[in-house]
N, C-alpha and C. Protein backbone atom coordinates (compact mmCIF):
# COMPACT_ATOMS: atom_id res chain seq x y z
N MET A 1 135.11 153.44 22.46
CA MET A 1 136.28 153.06 21.55
C MET A 1 136.25 151.59 20.98
N SER A 2 136.65 151.75 19.61
CA SER A 2 136.95 150.42 19.11
C SER A 2 138.07 149.79 19.33
N GLU A 3 138.45 148.55 19.20
CA GLU A 3 139.52 147.56 19.24
C GLU A 3 140.76 148.32 18.82
N LYS A 4 140.52 148.55 17.70
CA LYS A 4 141.57 148.91 17.08
C LYS A 4 142.19 150.61 17.60
N ASN A 5 141.41 151.37 18.40
CA ASN A 5 141.81 152.41 18.96
C ASN A 5 142.35 152.48 20.20
N LYS A 6 142.24 150.95 20.83
CA LYS A 6 142.64 150.81 22.14
C LYS A 6 144.27 151.44 22.56
N PHE A 7 144.01 152.17 23.87
CA PHE A 7 145.67 152.43 23.67
C PHE A 7 145.51 152.74 25.40
N SER A 8 146.81 152.49 26.13
CA SER A 8 147.26 152.57 27.49
C SER A 8 148.45 153.25 27.98
N VAL A 9 148.59 153.81 28.99
CA VAL A 9 149.94 154.21 29.70
C VAL A 9 149.83 154.10 30.90
N SER A 10 150.99 153.11 31.58
CA SER A 10 151.19 152.94 32.65
C SER A 10 152.64 153.39 33.10
N ILE A 11 152.41 153.85 34.47
CA ILE A 11 153.63 154.81 35.00
C ILE A 11 154.34 153.91 36.22
N SER A 12 155.59 153.88 36.30
CA SER A 12 156.35 153.65 37.32
C SER A 12 157.69 154.26 37.45
N GLU A 13 158.17 154.38 38.55
CA GLU A 13 159.35 155.12 38.75
C GLU A 13 160.41 153.99 39.17
N ILE A 14 161.80 154.51 38.86
CA ILE A 14 162.89 153.66 39.34
C ILE A 14 164.13 154.88 39.20
N ASP A 15 164.55 155.21 40.71
CA ASP A 15 165.71 155.64 40.75
C ASP A 15 165.64 157.39 40.11
N GLY A 16 164.08 158.03 40.21
CA GLY A 16 164.13 159.01 39.73
C GLY A 16 163.94 159.36 38.09
N ILE A 17 163.59 157.81 37.43
CA ILE A 17 163.61 158.18 36.05
C ILE A 17 162.31 157.20 35.97
N LYS A 18 161.12 158.13 35.26
CA LYS A 18 159.15 157.88 35.15
C LYS A 18 159.69 156.63 33.90
N LEU A 19 159.02 155.90 34.13
CA LEU A 19 158.86 154.98 33.28
C LEU A 19 157.50 154.55 32.54
N LEU A 20 157.19 154.71 31.33
CA LEU A 20 156.26 154.95 30.73
C LEU A 20 155.73 153.69 29.82
N TYR A 21 154.73 152.45 29.98
CA TYR A 21 154.60 151.56 29.17
C TYR A 21 153.46 151.92 28.40
N LEU A 22 154.09 151.75 27.48
CA LEU A 22 152.61 151.94 26.14
C LEU A 22 152.23 150.48 25.24
N SER A 23 150.73 150.65 25.59
CA SER A 23 150.08 149.25 24.76
C SER A 23 148.96 150.01 23.71
N GLY A 24 148.98 149.26 22.75
CA GLY A 24 147.88 149.20 21.72
C GLY A 24 148.41 150.06 20.51
N PHE A 25 147.67 151.08 20.30
CA PHE A 25 147.42 151.71 18.98
C PHE A 25 147.61 153.67 19.34
N LEU A 26 149.05 153.65 19.02
CA LEU A 26 149.29 154.97 19.58
C LEU A 26 148.75 156.14 18.17
N ASP A 27 147.61 156.90 18.11
CA ASP A 27 147.60 157.69 17.03
C ASP A 27 146.77 158.97 17.12
N ALA A 28 146.02 160.01 16.40
CA ALA A 28 145.60 161.19 16.15
C ALA A 28 144.54 160.95 17.48
N HIS A 29 143.98 159.61 17.93
CA HIS A 29 142.72 159.58 18.63
C HIS A 29 143.18 159.30 20.19
N THR A 30 144.48 158.91 20.25
CA THR A 30 145.13 158.54 21.42
C THR A 30 146.21 159.53 21.93
N ALA A 31 146.76 159.96 21.28
CA ALA A 31 147.78 160.68 21.56
C ALA A 31 147.94 161.81 22.47
N PRO A 32 146.41 162.65 22.77
CA PRO A 32 146.39 163.24 23.75
C PRO A 32 146.73 162.62 25.09
N LEU A 33 146.09 161.54 24.94
CA LEU A 33 146.40 160.72 26.53
C LEU A 33 147.80 160.81 26.98
N LEU A 34 148.63 160.46 25.96
CA LEU A 34 149.87 160.12 26.49
C LEU A 34 150.85 161.71 26.56
N GLU A 35 150.39 162.82 25.66
CA GLU A 35 150.70 164.05 25.75
C GLU A 35 150.34 164.58 27.34
N ASN A 36 148.80 164.39 27.74
CA ASN A 36 148.83 164.76 29.08
C ASN A 36 149.64 163.95 30.24
N LYS A 37 149.92 162.91 30.10
CA LYS A 37 150.61 161.89 31.14
C LYS A 37 152.12 162.70 31.00
N ILE A 38 153.09 163.03 29.93
CA ILE A 38 154.19 163.62 29.84
C ILE A 38 154.13 164.66 30.72
N SER A 39 152.96 165.54 30.46
CA SER A 39 152.53 167.27 30.62
C SER A 39 152.67 167.22 32.45
N GLU A 40 152.13 166.08 32.82
CA GLU A 40 151.75 166.03 34.51
C GLU A 40 153.03 165.46 34.94
N ILE A 41 153.93 164.60 34.51
CA ILE A 41 155.28 164.39 34.76
C ILE A 41 156.35 165.62 35.00
N ILE A 42 156.30 166.12 33.79
CA ILE A 42 156.96 167.64 33.61
C ILE A 42 156.58 168.87 34.87
N ARG A 43 155.48 168.72 34.71
CA ARG A 43 154.88 169.87 35.77
C ARG A 43 155.06 169.33 37.13
N ALA A 44 155.35 167.98 37.69
CA ALA A 44 155.66 167.37 38.84
C ALA A 44 157.28 167.90 39.03
N GLY A 45 157.69 168.48 38.13
CA GLY A 45 159.49 168.56 38.32
C GLY A 45 160.31 167.45 37.74
N GLU A 46 160.01 166.51 36.92
CA GLU A 46 160.52 164.94 36.61
C GLU A 46 160.97 165.52 35.30
N ASN A 47 161.99 165.00 34.76
CA ASN A 47 162.70 165.68 33.56
C ASN A 47 163.28 164.25 32.84
N LYS A 48 163.28 162.98 33.48
CA LYS A 48 164.01 161.92 32.72
C LYS A 48 162.81 160.82 32.60
N ILE A 49 162.39 160.40 31.61
CA ILE A 49 161.53 159.75 31.20
C ILE A 49 162.14 158.58 29.98
N LEU A 50 161.69 157.19 30.63
CA LEU A 50 161.90 156.07 29.79
C LEU A 50 160.72 155.31 29.37
N VAL A 51 160.54 155.53 27.78
CA VAL A 51 159.05 154.59 27.29
C VAL A 51 159.39 153.70 26.95
N ASN A 52 158.48 152.44 27.30
CA ASN A 52 158.91 151.09 26.79
C ASN A 52 157.50 150.74 25.94
N PHE A 53 158.13 150.41 24.56
CA PHE A 53 157.19 150.26 23.70
C PHE A 53 156.72 148.79 23.43
N LYS A 54 157.10 147.59 24.04
CA LYS A 54 156.95 146.62 24.10
C LYS A 54 155.71 146.14 23.51
N ASP A 55 154.47 146.78 24.23
CA ASP A 55 153.26 146.43 23.98
C ASP A 55 152.37 147.14 22.92
N LEU A 56 153.60 148.09 22.45
CA LEU A 56 153.02 149.60 21.09
C LEU A 56 152.90 148.32 20.07
N ASP A 57 151.28 148.44 19.46
CA ASP A 57 151.50 147.51 18.18
C ASP A 57 151.32 148.55 16.96
N TYR A 58 151.17 150.08 17.00
CA TYR A 58 151.03 150.89 16.13
C TYR A 58 151.49 152.20 16.75
N ILE A 59 152.04 153.03 15.97
CA ILE A 59 152.16 154.55 16.14
C ILE A 59 151.97 155.12 14.76
N SER A 60 151.38 156.36 15.18
CA SER A 60 151.17 157.21 13.66
C SER A 60 152.03 158.53 14.03
N SER A 61 152.02 159.24 12.91
CA SER A 61 153.21 160.43 12.84
C SER A 61 152.15 161.38 13.99
N ALA A 62 151.47 161.16 14.46
CA ALA A 62 150.48 161.89 15.82
C ALA A 62 150.98 161.66 16.94
N GLY A 63 151.27 160.39 17.07
CA GLY A 63 152.21 159.82 18.39
C GLY A 63 153.37 160.02 18.19
N LEU A 64 154.15 160.06 17.35
CA LEU A 64 155.50 160.66 17.04
C LEU A 64 155.53 161.97 17.52
N GLY A 65 154.61 162.85 17.29
CA GLY A 65 154.68 163.92 17.29
C GLY A 65 154.88 164.56 18.70
N VAL A 66 153.98 163.67 19.68
CA VAL A 66 154.25 163.99 21.13
C VAL A 66 155.13 164.12 21.67
N PHE A 67 156.57 163.08 21.28
CA PHE A 67 157.49 162.86 21.65
C PHE A 67 158.46 164.05 21.28
N MET A 68 158.45 164.53 20.04
CA MET A 68 158.81 165.83 19.31
C MET A 68 158.69 167.39 20.35
N ALA A 69 156.96 167.08 20.76
CA ALA A 69 156.95 168.04 21.62
C ALA A 69 157.69 168.66 22.58
N PHE A 70 157.95 167.39 23.49
CA PHE A 70 158.55 167.63 24.72
C PHE A 70 159.82 167.24 24.72
N ILE A 71 160.76 167.07 23.77
CA ILE A 71 162.46 166.53 23.77
C ILE A 71 163.05 167.76 24.16
N GLU A 72 162.49 168.93 23.65
CA GLU A 72 163.54 170.02 23.71
C GLU A 72 163.48 170.32 25.03
N GLU A 73 162.07 170.76 25.90
CA GLU A 73 162.17 170.95 27.01
C GLU A 73 162.70 170.59 28.21
N LEU A 74 162.52 169.05 28.04
CA LEU A 74 163.16 168.41 28.48
C LEU A 74 164.74 168.11 28.70
N ARG A 75 165.30 168.39 27.96
CA ARG A 75 166.92 168.42 27.62
C ARG A 75 167.23 169.93 27.80
N GLN A 76 166.43 170.82 27.62
CA GLN A 76 166.89 171.88 28.09
C GLN A 76 166.74 172.28 29.80
N SER A 77 166.26 171.11 30.64
CA SER A 77 165.86 171.18 32.08
C SER A 77 167.20 169.74 32.72
N GLY A 78 168.12 169.44 31.59
CA GLY A 78 168.59 168.41 32.18
C GLY A 78 168.13 167.03 32.01
N GLY A 79 167.04 166.68 31.48
CA GLY A 79 166.44 165.59 31.16
C GLY A 79 166.30 165.12 29.83
N ASP A 80 165.55 163.70 29.41
CA ASP A 80 165.90 163.29 28.43
C ASP A 80 164.18 162.26 28.32
N ILE A 81 164.39 161.93 27.12
CA ILE A 81 163.50 160.76 26.71
C ILE A 81 164.11 159.46 26.24
N LYS A 82 164.21 158.65 26.67
CA LYS A 82 164.96 157.46 26.48
C LYS A 82 163.98 156.50 25.57
N MET A 83 164.09 155.45 24.89
CA MET A 83 162.88 154.52 24.05
C MET A 83 163.84 152.97 24.63
N ALA A 84 162.75 152.51 24.51
CA ALA A 84 163.31 150.78 24.35
C ALA A 84 162.32 149.95 23.89
N GLU A 85 162.85 148.83 23.56
CA GLU A 85 161.67 147.44 23.04
C GLU A 85 160.65 147.85 22.15
N MET A 86 160.94 148.40 20.96
CA MET A 86 160.65 148.85 20.15
C MET A 86 159.97 147.41 19.00
N LYS A 87 158.90 146.97 18.71
CA LYS A 87 158.49 145.88 17.68
C LYS A 87 158.91 147.01 15.95
N PRO A 88 159.73 145.76 15.76
CA PRO A 88 160.22 146.28 14.47
C PRO A 88 159.22 147.19 13.30
N ARG A 89 158.33 146.83 13.34
CA ARG A 89 157.35 148.06 12.46
C ARG A 89 157.15 149.05 13.57
N VAL A 90 157.07 148.91 14.55
CA VAL A 90 157.24 150.45 14.97
C VAL A 90 158.36 151.13 15.05
N PHE A 91 159.68 150.51 14.86
CA PHE A 91 161.14 151.20 15.06
C PHE A 91 161.12 151.67 13.69
N THR A 92 160.36 150.89 12.34
CA THR A 92 160.60 151.24 11.33
C THR A 92 160.13 152.38 10.99
N ILE A 93 158.91 152.71 11.77
CA ILE A 93 158.36 154.14 11.42
C ILE A 93 159.15 155.27 12.08
N PHE A 94 159.65 155.00 13.14
CA PHE A 94 160.72 155.91 14.20
C PHE A 94 162.17 156.09 13.31
N ASP A 95 162.59 155.30 12.47
CA ASP A 95 163.57 154.95 11.49
C ASP A 95 163.49 155.66 10.29
N LEU A 96 162.48 155.56 9.81
CA LEU A 96 161.91 156.51 8.77
C LEU A 96 161.88 157.50 8.72
N LEU A 97 161.51 158.71 9.68
CA LEU A 97 162.03 160.07 9.94
C LEU A 97 162.80 160.40 10.85
N GLY A 98 164.07 159.24 10.97
CA GLY A 98 164.98 160.07 11.43
C GLY A 98 165.32 159.88 12.84
N PHE A 99 164.29 159.55 13.44
CA PHE A 99 163.99 159.39 15.15
C PHE A 99 165.53 158.95 15.70
N PRO A 100 166.01 157.98 15.20
CA PRO A 100 167.18 157.18 15.81
C PRO A 100 168.33 158.18 16.12
N LEU A 101 168.58 159.28 15.34
CA LEU A 101 169.54 160.31 15.17
C LEU A 101 168.97 161.42 16.48
N LEU A 102 167.57 161.65 17.03
CA LEU A 102 167.29 162.29 17.76
C LEU A 102 167.10 161.81 18.90
N PHE A 103 166.63 160.69 19.16
CA PHE A 103 166.87 159.79 20.49
C PHE A 103 167.63 158.55 20.61
N ASP A 104 167.72 158.07 21.87
CA ASP A 104 168.20 156.78 22.53
C ASP A 104 167.08 155.91 22.66
N ILE A 105 167.65 155.16 21.19
CA ILE A 105 166.43 153.86 20.86
C ILE A 105 167.10 152.59 21.37
N GLU A 106 166.94 151.86 22.52
CA GLU A 106 167.40 151.06 22.83
C GLU A 106 166.80 149.41 22.30
N LYS A 107 167.65 148.26 22.68
CA LYS A 107 166.74 146.97 22.54
C LYS A 107 166.14 146.69 23.78
N THR A 108 166.78 146.79 25.04
CA THR A 108 166.37 146.48 26.01
C THR A 108 165.88 147.93 27.53
N GLU A 109 164.78 147.48 27.85
CA GLU A 109 165.07 148.67 28.97
C GLU A 109 165.73 148.93 29.80
N GLN A 110 166.59 148.13 30.44
CA GLN A 110 167.77 147.87 30.93
C GLN A 110 169.12 148.62 30.42
N ASP A 111 168.94 148.50 29.23
CA ASP A 111 169.95 149.35 28.28
C ASP A 111 169.42 150.81 28.10
N ALA A 112 168.40 151.07 28.15
CA ALA A 112 167.74 152.80 28.06
C ALA A 112 168.05 153.08 29.50
N PHE A 113 167.84 152.14 30.56
CA PHE A 113 168.20 152.91 32.31
C PHE A 113 169.64 153.21 32.10
N LEU A 114 170.37 152.10 31.71
CA LEU A 114 171.67 152.75 32.10
C LEU A 114 172.47 153.88 31.05
N LYS A 115 171.98 154.15 30.21
CA LYS A 115 171.83 155.40 29.17
C LYS A 115 171.67 156.65 30.16
N PHE A 116 170.81 156.44 30.80
CA PHE A 116 170.43 157.48 31.64
C PHE A 116 171.33 157.54 33.02
N LYS A 117 171.54 156.40 33.50
CA LYS A 117 172.86 156.49 34.39
C LYS A 117 173.92 156.70 34.28
N SER A 118 174.66 156.33 32.96
CA SER A 118 175.95 157.08 32.43
C SER A 118 176.05 158.48 32.00
N SER A 119 174.73 159.22 32.22
CA SER A 119 174.73 160.41 31.61
C SER A 119 174.74 161.47 32.98
N ILE A 120 174.30 160.97 34.00
CA ILE A 120 174.05 161.98 35.39
C ILE A 120 175.63 162.28 35.79
């Protein structure tokens, strides 16, 4: 794998909320990794996901599609995907496609975490 296509997801959990930390480049080549991780979370019966983007340098439409693929299912089961700590160039991609209207995108992980807590 080239340096440009490096991507990783690390997962932790606090109070029933799965925290996903994305790093590197999320594109058509790496999106299946994220898709698999989210599928595993849903199969395990979890439905609250907080995604931290602070180490994500790039996202393509394929990466955005991963979030769109799961949001309806999560919300129908009483859960959601909240997002936090996007770099300006990553946020710009989300913003251009209207994602701030569909998702809670917060400046800090703590703010996103509190959005979950206020909706319980």
